[in-house]
Amino acid sequence: LLKEYSEGLVAFTACIAGEVPQLILQGQHEAARKAALWYKEIFG
């Protein structure tokens, strides 16, 4: 759905409960970086 309806939207990684912050907390830096790059691809 995010891919389909991303136009005209600004996106943030959110609070502690966000996907990227949670991956950082779990020590998964590379997974967090990849997730961030996916959102960058969608929202530019």
All heavy atoms as atom14 arrays in JSON, in Angstrom:
{
  "sequence": "LLKEYSEGLVAFTACIAGEVPQLILQGQHEAARKAALWYKEIFG",
  "atom14_mask": [
    [1, 1, 1, 1, 1, 1, 1, 1, 0, 0, 0, 0, 0, 0],
    [1, 1, 1, 1, 1, 1, 1, 1, 0, 0, 0, 0, 0, 0],
    [1, 1, 1, 1, 1, 1, 1, 1, 1, 0, 0, 0, 0, 0],
    [1, 1, 1, 1, 1, 1, 1, 1, 1, 0, 0, 0, 0, 0],
    [1, 1, 1, 1, 1, 1, 1, 1, 1, 1, 1, 1, 0, 0],
    [1, 1, 1, 1, 1, 1, 0, 0, 0, 0, 0, 0, 0, 0],
    [1, 1, 1, 1, 1, 1, 1, 1, 1, 0, 0, 0, 0, 0],
    [1, 1, 1, 1, 0, 0, 0, 0, 0, 0, 0, 0, 0, 0],
    [1, 1, 1, 1, 1, 1, 1, 1, 0, 0, 0, 0, 0, 0],
    [1, 1, 1, 1, 1, 1, 1, 0, 0, 0, 0, 0, 0, 0],
    [1, 1, 1, 1, 1, 0, 0, 0, 0, 0, 0, 0, 0, 0],
    [1, 1, 1, 1, 1, 1, 1, 1, 1, 1, 1, 0, 0, 0],
    [1, 1, 1, 1, 1, 1, 1, 0, 0, 0, 0, 0, 0, 0],
    [1, 1, 1, 1, 1, 0, 0, 0, 0, 0, 0, 0, 0, 0],
    [1, 1, 1, 1, 1, 1, 0, 0, 0, 0, 0, 0, 0, 0],
    [1, 1, 1, 1, 1, 1, 1, 1, 0, 0, 0, 0, 0, 0],
    [1, 1, 1, 1, 1, 0, 0, 0, 0, 0, 0, 0, 0, 0],
    [1, 1, 1, 1, 0, 0, 0, 0, 0, 0, 0, 0, 0, 0],
    [1, 1, 1, 1, 1, 1, 1, 1, 1, 0, 0, 0, 0, 0],
    [1, 1, 1, 1, 1, 1, 1, 0, 0, 0, 0, 0, 0, 0],
    [1, 1, 1, 1, 1, 1, 1, 0, 0, 0, 0, 0, 0, 0],
    [1, 1, 1, 1, 1, 1, 1, 1, 1, 0, 0, 0, 0, 0],
    [1, 1, 1, 1, 1, 1, 1, 1, 0, 0, 0, 0, 0, 0],
    [1, 1, 1, 1, 1, 1, 1, 1, 0, 0, 0, 0, 0, 0],
    [1, 1, 1, 1, 1, 1, 1, 1, 0, 0, 0, 0, 0, 0],
    [1, 1, 1, 1, 1, 1, 1, 1, 1, 0, 0, 0, 0, 0],
    [1, 1, 1, 1, 0, 0, 0, 0, 0, 0, 0, 0, 0, 0],
    [1, 1, 1, 1, 1, 1, 1, 1, 1, 0, 0, 0, 0, 0],
    [1, 1, 1, 1, 1, 1, 1, 1, 1, 1, 0, 0, 0, 0],
    [1, 1, 1, 1, 1, 1, 1, 1, 1, 0, 0, 0, 0, 0],
    [1, 1, 1, 1, 1, 0, 0, 0, 0, 0, 0, 0, 0, 0],
    [1, 1, 1, 1, 1, 0, 0, 0, 0, 0, 0, 0, 0, 0],
    [1, 1, 1, 1, 1, 1, 1, 1, 1, 1, 1, 0, 0, 0],
    [1, 1, 1, 1, 1, 1, 1, 1, 1, 0, 0, 0, 0, 0],
    [1, 1, 1, 1, 1, 0, 0, 0, 0, 0, 0, 0, 0, 0],
    [1, 1, 1, 1, 1, 0, 0, 0, 0, 0, 0, 0, 0, 0],
    [1, 1, 1, 1, 1, 1, 1, 1, 0, 0, 0, 0, 0, 0],
    [1, 1, 1, 1, 1, 1, 1, 1, 1, 1, 1, 1, 1, 1],
    [1, 1, 1, 1, 1, 1, 1, 1, 1, 1, 1, 1, 0, 0],
    [1, 1, 1, 1, 1, 1, 1, 1, 1, 0, 0, 0, 0, 0],
    [1, 1, 1, 1, 1, 1, 1, 1, 1, 0, 0, 0, 0, 0],
    [1, 1, 1, 1, 1, 1, 1, 1, 0, 0, 0, 0, 0, 0],
    [1, 1, 1, 1, 1, 1, 1, 1, 1, 1, 1, 0, 0, 0],
    [1, 1, 1, 1, 0, 0, 0, 0, 0, 0, 0, 0, 0, 0]
  ],
  "atom14_positions": [
    [[0.82, -1.21, 0.0], [0.0, 0.0, 0.0], [0.86, 1.27, 0.0], [0.5, 2.26, -0.64], [-0.93, 0.0, 1.21], [-2.16, -0.92, 1.14], [-3.01, -0.77, 2.39], [-2.99, -0.63, -0.1], [0.0, 0.0, 0.0], [0.0, 0.0, 0.0], [0.0, 0.0, 0.0], [0.0, 0.0, 0.0], [0.0, 0.0, 0.0], [0.0, 0.0, 0.0]],
    [[1.97, 1.24, 0.72], [2.85, 2.42, 0.74], [3.38, 2.73, -0.65], [3.46, 3.9, -1.05], [4.01, 2.2, 1.71], [3.67, 2.21, 3.2], [4.9, 1.89, 4.03], [3.09, 3.56, 3.64], [0.0, 0.0, 0.0], [0.0, 0.0, 0.0], [0.0, 0.0, 0.0], [0.0, 0.0, 0.0], [0.0, 0.0, 0.0], [0.0, 0.0, 0.0]],
    [[3.72, 1.7, -1.41], [4.18, 1.91, -2.79], [3.08, 2.55, -3.63], [3.33, 3.45, -4.43], [4.56, 0.56, -3.43], [5.91, 0.01, -3.02], [6.16, -1.29, -3.79], [7.47, -1.94, -3.38], [7.68, -3.23, -4.11], [0.0, 0.0, 0.0], [0.0, 0.0, 0.0], [0.0, 0.0, 0.0], [0.0, 0.0, 0.0], [0.0, 0.0, 0.0]],
    [[1.86, 2.08, -3.44], [0.74, 2.53, -4.27], [0.33, 3.97, -3.96], [-0.08, 4.71, -4.86], [-0.45, 1.59, -4.06], [-1.62, 1.87, -4.98], [-2.75, 0.86, -4.82], [-2.56, -0.15, -4.1], [-3.82, 1.09, -5.4], [0.0, 0.0, 0.0], [0.0, 0.0, 0.0], [0.0, 0.0, 0.0], [0.0, 0.0, 0.0], [0.0, 0.0, 0.0]],
    [[0.46, 4.38, -2.69], [-0.08, 5.68, -2.28], [0.99, 6.6, -1.67], [0.71, 7.35, -0.74], [-1.2, 5.48, -1.26], [-2.41, 4.77, -1.81], [-2.68, 3.45, -1.47], [-3.28, 5.42, -2.69], [-3.8, 2.79, -1.96], [-4.41, 4.77, -3.2], [-4.65, 3.45, -2.83], [-5.74, 2.8, -3.35], [0.0, 0.0, 0.0], [0.0, 0.0, 0.0]],
    [[2.19, 6.58, -2.2], [3.28, 7.37, -1.61], [3.35, 8.8, -2.13], [3.95, 9.67, -1.49], [4.63, 6.68, -1.88], [4.86, 6.6, -3.28], [0.0, 0.0, 0.0], [0.0, 0.0, 0.0], [0.0, 0.0, 0.0], [0.0, 0.0, 0.0], [0.0, 0.0, 0.0], [0.0, 0.0, 0.0], [0.0, 0.0, 0.0], [0.0, 0.0, 0.0]],
    [[2.73, 9.06, -3.25], [2.85, 10.39, -3.87], [2.28, 11.49, -2.97], [1.22, 11.34, -2.37], [2.13, 10.43, -5.22], [2.36, 11.72, -5.99], [1.63, 11.76, -7.33], [1.07, 10.73, -7.73], [1.61, 12.84, -7.95], [0.0, 0.0, 0.0], [0.0, 0.0, 0.0], [0.0, 0.0, 0.0], [0.0, 0.0, 0.0], [0.0, 0.0, 0.0]],
    [[3.03, 12.58, -2.84], [2.56, 13.72, -2.07], [2.72, 13.57, -0.57], [2.22, 14.4, 0.19], [0.0, 0.0, 0.0], [0.0, 0.0, 0.0], [0.0, 0.0, 0.0], [0.0, 0.0, 0.0], [0.0, 0.0, 0.0], [0.0, 0.0, 0.0], [0.0, 0.0, 0.0], [0.0, 0.0, 0.0], [0.0, 0.0, 0.0], [0.0, 0.0, 0.0]],
    [[3.43, 12.52, -0.14], [3.6, 12.28, 1.3], [5.05, 12.44, 1.72], [5.97, 12.11, 0.99], [3.12, 10.87, 1.67], [1.61, 10.62, 1.54], [1.31, 9.15, 1.8], [0.84, 11.51, 2.5], [0.0, 0.0, 0.0], [0.0, 0.0, 0.0], [0.0, 0.0, 0.0], [0.0, 0.0, 0.0], [0.0, 0.0, 0.0], [0.0, 0.0, 0.0]],
    [[5.22, 12.94, 2.94], [6.52, 13.0, 3.61], [6.5, 11.91, 4.68], [5.49, 11.76, 5.38], [6.75, 14.38, 4.26], [8.08, 14.4, 5.02], [6.71, 15.47, 3.2], [0.0, 0.0, 0.0], [0.0, 0.0, 0.0], [0.0, 0.0, 0.0], [0.0, 0.0, 0.0], [0.0, 0.0, 0.0], [0.0, 0.0, 0.0], [0.0, 0.0, 0.0]],
    [[7.59, 11.15, 4.8], [7.63, 10.04, 5.76], [8.8, 10.2, 6.73], [9.89, 10.62, 6.33], [7.74, 8.71, 5.03], [0.0, 0.0, 0.0], [0.0, 0.0, 0.0], [0.0, 0.0, 0.0], [0.0, 0.0, 0.0], [0.0, 0.0, 0.0], [0.0, 0.0, 0.0], [0.0, 0.0, 0.0], [0.0, 0.0, 0.0], [0.0, 0.0, 0.0]],
    [[8.56, 9.85, 8.0], [9.6, 9.82, 9.05], [9.67, 8.41, 9.62], [8.68, 7.69, 9.65], [9.26, 10.74, 10.22], [9.08, 12.2, 9.9], [8.48, 13.03, 10.83], [9.49, 12.74, 8.7], [8.3, 14.38, 10.57], [9.31, 14.09, 8.43], [8.71, 14.91, 9.37], [0.0, 0.0, 0.0], [0.0, 0.0, 0.0], [0.0, 0.0, 0.0]],
    [[10.82, 8.07, 10.18], [11.0, 6.74, 10.78], [10.24, 6.57, 12.1], [10.2, 5.46, 12.63], [12.49, 6.45, 11.04], [13.08, 7.57, 11.71], [13.22, 6.19, 9.74], [0.0, 0.0, 0.0], [0.0, 0.0, 0.0], [0.0, 0.0, 0.0], [0.0, 0.0, 0.0], [0.0, 0.0, 0.0], [0.0, 0.0, 0.0], [0.0, 0.0, 0.0]],
    [[9.68, 7.62, 12.64], [8.84, 7.57, 13.85], [9.67, 7.39, 15.12], [10.88, 7.6, 15.14], [7.75, 6.51, 13.74], [0.0, 0.0, 0.0], [0.0, 0.0, 0.0], [0.0, 0.0, 0.0], [0.0, 0.0, 0.0], [0.0, 0.0, 0.0], [0.0, 0.0, 0.0], [0.0, 0.0, 0.0], [0.0, 0.0, 0.0], [0.0, 0.0, 0.0]],
    [[8.97, 6.99, 16.19], [9.56, 6.91, 17.53], [10.31, 5.58, 17.71], [10.66, 4.91, 16.73], [8.46, 7.05, 18.57], [7.14, 5.81, 18.34], [0.0, 0.0, 0.0], [0.0, 0.0, 0.0], [0.0, 0.0, 0.0], [0.0, 0.0, 0.0], [0.0, 0.0, 0.0], [0.0, 0.0, 0.0], [0.0, 0.0, 0.0], [0.0, 0.0, 0.0]],
    [[10.52, 5.18, 18.94], [11.19, 3.91, 19.24], [10.52, 2.74, 18.53], [11.17, 1.77, 18.16], [11.22, 3.67, 20.77], [12.26, 4.57, 21.43], [11.51, 2.22, 21.1], [12.34, 4.42, 22.92], [0.0, 0.0, 0.0], [0.0, 0.0, 0.0], [0.0, 0.0, 0.0], [0.0, 0.0, 0.0], [0.0, 0.0, 0.0], [0.0, 0.0, 0.0]],
    [[9.2, 2.83, 18.33], [8.44, 1.72, 17.76], [8.52, 1.65, 16.23], [7.89, 0.8, 15.62], [6.98, 1.81, 18.19], [0.0, 0.0, 0.0], [0.0, 0.0, 0.0], [0.0, 0.0, 0.0], [0.0, 0.0, 0.0], [0.0, 0.0, 0.0], [0.0, 0.0, 0.0], [0.0, 0.0, 0.0], [0.0, 0.0, 0.0], [0.0, 0.0, 0.0]],
    [[9.3, 2.53, 15.61], [9.46, 2.49, 14.16], [10.3, 1.3, 13.72], [11.07, 0.73, 14.51], [0.0, 0.0, 0.0], [0.0, 0.0, 0.0], [0.0, 0.0, 0.0], [0.0, 0.0, 0.0], [0.0, 0.0, 0.0], [0.0, 0.0, 0.0], [0.0, 0.0, 0.0], [0.0, 0.0, 0.0], [0.0, 0.0, 0.0], [0.0, 0.0, 0.0]],
    [[10.2, 0.92, 12.46], [10.95, -0.23, 11.94], [12.45, -0.03, 12.02], [13.17, -0.88, 12.54], [10.53, -0.5, 10.48], [11.27, -1.68, 9.86], [10.9, -1.92, 8.41], [10.03, -1.19, 7.87], [11.49, -2.84, 7.79], [0.0, 0.0, 0.0], [0.0, 0.0, 0.0], [0.0, 0.0, 0.0], [0.0, 0.0, 0.0], [0.0, 0.0, 0.0]],
    [[12.93, 1.1, 11.53], [14.38, 1.36, 11.54], [14.91, 1.49, 12.97], [15.92, 0.85, 13.3], [14.71, 2.61, 10.69], [16.19, 2.95, 10.77], [14.3, 2.39, 9.23], [0.0, 0.0, 0.0], [0.0, 0.0, 0.0], [0.0, 0.0, 0.0], [0.0, 0.0, 0.0], [0.0, 0.0, 0.0], [0.0, 0.0, 0.0], [0.0, 0.0, 0.0]],
    [[14.26, 2.26, 13.85], [14.73, 2.31, 15.25], [14.76, 0.94, 15.93], [15.71, 0.64, 16.67], [13.7, 3.23, 15.93], [13.24, 4.13, 14.84], [13.19, 3.26, 13.62], [0.0, 0.0, 0.0], [0.0, 0.0, 0.0], [0.0, 0.0, 0.0], [0.0, 0.0, 0.0], [0.0, 0.0, 0.0], [0.0, 0.0, 0.0], [0.0, 0.0, 0.0]],
    [[13.77, 0.1, 15.67], [13.76, -1.22, 16.3], [14.92, -2.08, 15.82], [15.53, -2.82, 16.59], [12.42, -1.92, 16.03], [11.3, -1.49, 16.95], [11.56, -1.88, 18.4], [11.79, -3.04, 18.72], [11.54, -0.89, 19.29], [0.0, 0.0, 0.0], [0.0, 0.0, 0.0], [0.0, 0.0, 0.0], [0.0, 0.0, 0.0], [0.0, 0.0, 0.0]],
    [[15.23, -2.02, 14.55], [16.37, -2.78, 14.01], [17.68, -2.29, 14.61], [18.58, -3.09, 14.91], [16.39, -2.68, 12.49], [15.28, -3.45, 11.76], [15.23, -3.06, 10.28], [15.47, -4.95, 11.91], [0.0, 0.0, 0.0], [0.0, 0.0, 0.0], [0.0, 0.0, 0.0], [0.0, 0.0, 0.0], [0.0, 0.0, 0.0], [0.0, 0.0, 0.0]],
    [[17.79, -0.99, 14.82], [18.99, -0.44, 15.47], [19.11, -0.98, 16.89], [20.2, -1.41, 17.32], [18.96, 1.1, 15.47], [19.11, 1.64, 14.04], [20.04, 1.68, 16.38], [18.86, 3.12, 13.91], [0.0, 0.0, 0.0], [0.0, 0.0, 0.0], [0.0, 0.0, 0.0], [0.0, 0.0, 0.0], [0.0, 0.0, 0.0], [0.0, 0.0, 0.0]],
    [[18.0, -0.98, 17.62], [18.0, -1.5, 18.99], [18.41, -2.96, 19.05], [19.05, -3.41, 20.01], [16.61, -1.34, 19.61], [16.31, -0.06, 20.39], [14.95, -0.18, 21.06], [17.38, 0.24, 21.42], [0.0, 0.0, 0.0], [0.0, 0.0, 0.0], [0.0, 0.0, 0.0], [0.0, 0.0, 0.0], [0.0, 0.0, 0.0], [0.0, 0.0, 0.0]],
    [[18.05, -3.72, 18.03], [18.38, -5.14, 17.97], [19.8, -5.39, 17.48], [20.21, -6.54, 17.34], [17.38, -5.86, 17.07], [15.95, -5.86, 17.6], [14.92, -6.18, 16.53], [15.26, -6.69, 15.46], [13.66, -5.88, 16.82], [0.0, 0.0, 0.0], [0.0, 0.0, 0.0], [0.0, 0.0, 0.0], [0.0, 0.0, 0.0], [0.0, 0.0, 0.0]],
    [[20.54, -4.32, 17.22], [21.91, -4.46, 16.76], [22.04, -4.83, 15.29], [23.1, -5.23, 14.83], [0.0, 0.0, 0.0], [0.0, 0.0, 0.0], [0.0, 0.0, 0.0], [0.0, 0.0, 0.0], [0.0, 0.0, 0.0], [0.0, 0.0, 0.0], [0.0, 0.0, 0.0], [0.0, 0.0, 0.0], [0.0, 0.0, 0.0], [0.0, 0.0, 0.0]],
    [[20.95, -4.68, 14.55], [20.95, -5.06, 13.13], [21.15, -3.81, 12.26], [20.24, -3.35, 11.56], [19.65, -5.77, 12.78], [19.4, -7.04, 13.57], [18.15, -7.75, 13.11], [17.97, -8.04, 11.93], [17.24, -8.02, 14.06], [0.0, 0.0, 0.0], [0.0, 0.0, 0.0], [0.0, 0.0, 0.0], [0.0, 0.0, 0.0], [0.0, 0.0, 0.0]],
    [[22.35, -3.26, 12.29], [22.61, -2.0, 11.61], [22.41, -2.12, 10.1], [21.82, -1.24, 9.48], [24.03, -1.52, 11.9], [24.37, -0.21, 11.24], [24.01, 1.0, 11.76], [25.01, 0.06, 10.06], [24.41, 1.97, 10.96], [25.03, 1.42, 9.91], [0.0, 0.0, 0.0], [0.0, 0.0, 0.0], [0.0, 0.0, 0.0], [0.0, 0.0, 0.0]],
    [[22.9, -3.2, 9.5], [22.78, -3.35, 8.06], [21.32, -3.49, 7.64], [20.89, -2.91, 6.63], [23.58, -4.56, 7.58], [23.6, -4.77, 6.07], [24.11, -3.56, 5.29], [24.9, -2.76, 5.86], [23.72, -3.4, 4.11], [0.0, 0.0, 0.0], [0.0, 0.0, 0.0], [0.0, 0.0, 0.0], [0.0, 0.0, 0.0], [0.0, 0.0, 0.0]],
    [[20.54, -4.24, 8.41], [19.11, -4.37, 8.12], [18.39, -3.03, 8.27], [17.5, -2.69, 7.48], [18.47, -5.41, 9.04], [0.0, 0.0, 0.0], [0.0, 0.0, 0.0], [0.0, 0.0, 0.0], [0.0, 0.0, 0.0], [0.0, 0.0, 0.0], [0.0, 0.0, 0.0], [0.0, 0.0, 0.0], [0.0, 0.0, 0.0], [0.0, 0.0, 0.0]],
    [[18.8, -2.25, 9.27], [18.22, -0.92, 9.47], [18.55, -0.01, 8.29], [17.69, 0.74, 7.81], [18.74, -0.31, 10.77], [0.0, 0.0, 0.0], [0.0, 0.0, 0.0], [0.0, 0.0, 0.0], [0.0, 0.0, 0.0], [0.0, 0.0, 0.0], [0.0, 0.0, 0.0], [0.0, 0.0, 0.0], [0.0, 0.0, 0.0], [0.0, 0.0, 0.0]],
    [[19.78, -0.09, 7.82], [20.19, 0.73, 6.67], [19.4, 0.35, 5.41], [18.95, 1.22, 4.67], [21.69, 0.56, 6.43], [22.3, 1.56, 5.45], [23.8, 1.34, 5.3], [24.05, 0.12, 4.56], [24.09, 0.05, 3.22], [23.9, 1.15, 2.5], [24.32, -1.08, 2.6], [0.0, 0.0, 0.0], [0.0, 0.0, 0.0], [0.0, 0.0, 0.0]],
    [[19.22, -0.96, 5.2], [18.47, -1.42, 4.04], [17.01, -0.99, 4.11], [16.41, -0.6, 3.1], [18.57, -2.95, 3.92], [19.92, -3.44, 3.42], [19.93, -4.96, 3.28], [21.27, -5.45, 2.75], [21.32, -6.93, 2.64], [0.0, 0.0, 0.0], [0.0, 0.0, 0.0], [0.0, 0.0, 0.0], [0.0, 0.0, 0.0], [0.0, 0.0, 0.0]],
    [[16.43, -1.07, 5.31], [15.04, -0.62, 5.48], [14.92, 0.87, 5.18], [13.98, 1.3, 4.49], [14.57, -0.93, 6.9], [0.0, 0.0, 0.0], [0.0, 0.0, 0.0], [0.0, 0.0, 0.0], [0.0, 0.0, 0.0], [0.0, 0.0, 0.0], [0.0, 0.0, 0.0], [0.0, 0.0, 0.0], [0.0, 0.0, 0.0], [0.0, 0.0, 0.0]],
    [[15.87, 1.66, 5.67], [15.85, 3.1, 5.41], [15.96, 3.39, 3.92], [15.27, 4.26, 3.38], [16.99, 3.77, 6.17], [0.0, 0.0, 0.0], [0.0, 0.0, 0.0], [0.0, 0.0, 0.0], [0.0, 0.0, 0.0], [0.0, 0.0, 0.0], [0.0, 0.0, 0.0], [0.0, 0.0, 0.0], [0.0, 0.0, 0.0], [0.0, 0.0, 0.0]],
    [[16.82, 2.63, 3.23], [16.99, 2.83, 1.79], [15.72, 2.44, 1.02], [15.41, 3.03, -0.01], [18.19, 2.04, 1.28], [19.55, 2.61, 1.68], [20.66, 1.64, 1.31], [19.79, 3.97, 1.02], [0.0, 0.0, 0.0], [0.0, 0.0, 0.0], [0.0, 0.0, 0.0], [0.0, 0.0, 0.0], [0.0, 0.0, 0.0], [0.0, 0.0, 0.0]],
    [[14.98, 1.44, 1.53], [13.72, 1.07, 0.87], [12.73, 2.24, 0.98], [12.09, 2.6, -0.01], [13.11, -0.17, 1.53], [11.88, -0.63, 0.82], [11.8, -1.47, -0.26], [10.52, -0.22, 1.09], [10.49, -1.61, -0.67], [9.68, -0.87, 0.15], [9.94, 0.61, 2.05], [8.3, -0.69, 0.14], [8.57, 0.79, 2.03], [7.75, 0.14, 1.09]],
    [[12.62, 2.83, 2.16], [11.71, 3.96, 2.32], [12.16, 5.15, 1.48], [11.34, 5.88, 0.92], [11.61, 4.36, 3.8], [10.78, 3.42, 4.62], [11.37, 2.56, 5.56], [9.4, 3.36, 4.47], [10.6, 1.67, 6.31], [8.62, 2.49, 5.23], [9.23, 1.65, 6.14], [8.47, 0.77, 6.87], [0.0, 0.0, 0.0], [0.0, 0.0, 0.0]],
    [[13.48, 5.33, 1.36], [14.0, 6.42, 0.53], [13.62, 6.19, -0.93], [13.28, 7.14, -1.66], [15.51, 6.52, 0.67], [16.13, 7.66, -0.14], [17.64, 7.71, 0.0], [18.22, 8.87, -0.8], [19.7, 8.92, -0.7], [0.0, 0.0, 0.0], [0.0, 0.0, 0.0], [0.0, 0.0, 0.0], [0.0, 0.0, 0.0], [0.0, 0.0, 0.0]],
    [[13.68, 4.94, -1.37], [13.29, 4.61, -2.74], [11.83, 4.93, -2.99], [11.45, 5.41, -4.06], [13.56, 3.12, -3.0], [13.21, 2.66, -4.41], [13.41, 1.17, -4.61], [14.08, 0.55, -3.78], [12.87, 0.64, -5.6], [0.0, 0.0, 0.0], [0.0, 0.0, 0.0], [0.0, 0.0, 0.0], [0.0, 0.0, 0.0], [0.0, 0.0, 0.0]],
    [[10.97, 4.68, -2.0], [9.54, 4.91, -2.16], [9.19, 6.39, -2.06], [8.41, 6.92, -2.85], [8.74, 4.11, -1.1], [8.97, 2.62, -1.27], [7.25, 4.44, -1.18], [8.63, 2.07, -2.64], [0.0, 0.0, 0.0], [0.0, 0.0, 0.0], [0.0, 0.0, 0.0], [0.0, 0.0, 0.0], [0.0, 0.0, 0.0], [0.0, 0.0, 0.0]],
    [[9.77, 7.09, -1.08], [9.39, 8.49, -0.82], [10.39, 9.51, -1.36], [10.15, 10.71, -1.27], [9.19, 8.69, 0.69], [8.03, 7.93, 1.25], [8.21, 6.73, 1.92], [6.74, 8.4, 1.1], [7.15, 6.01, 2.44], [5.65, 7.69, 1.62], [5.86, 6.49, 2.28], [0.0, 0.0, 0.0], [0.0, 0.0, 0.0], [0.0, 0.0, 0.0]],
    [[11.52, 9.02, -1.88], [12.51, 9.92, -2.46], [13.07, 10.9, -1.43], [13.39, 10.53, -0.3], [0.0, 0.0, 0.0], [0.0, 0.0, 0.0], [0.0, 0.0, 0.0], [0.0, 0.0, 0.0], [0.0, 0.0, 0.0], [0.0, 0.0, 0.0], [0.0, 0.0, 0.0], [0.0, 0.0, 0.0], [0.0, 0.0, 0.0], [0.0, 0.0, 0.0]]
  ]
}
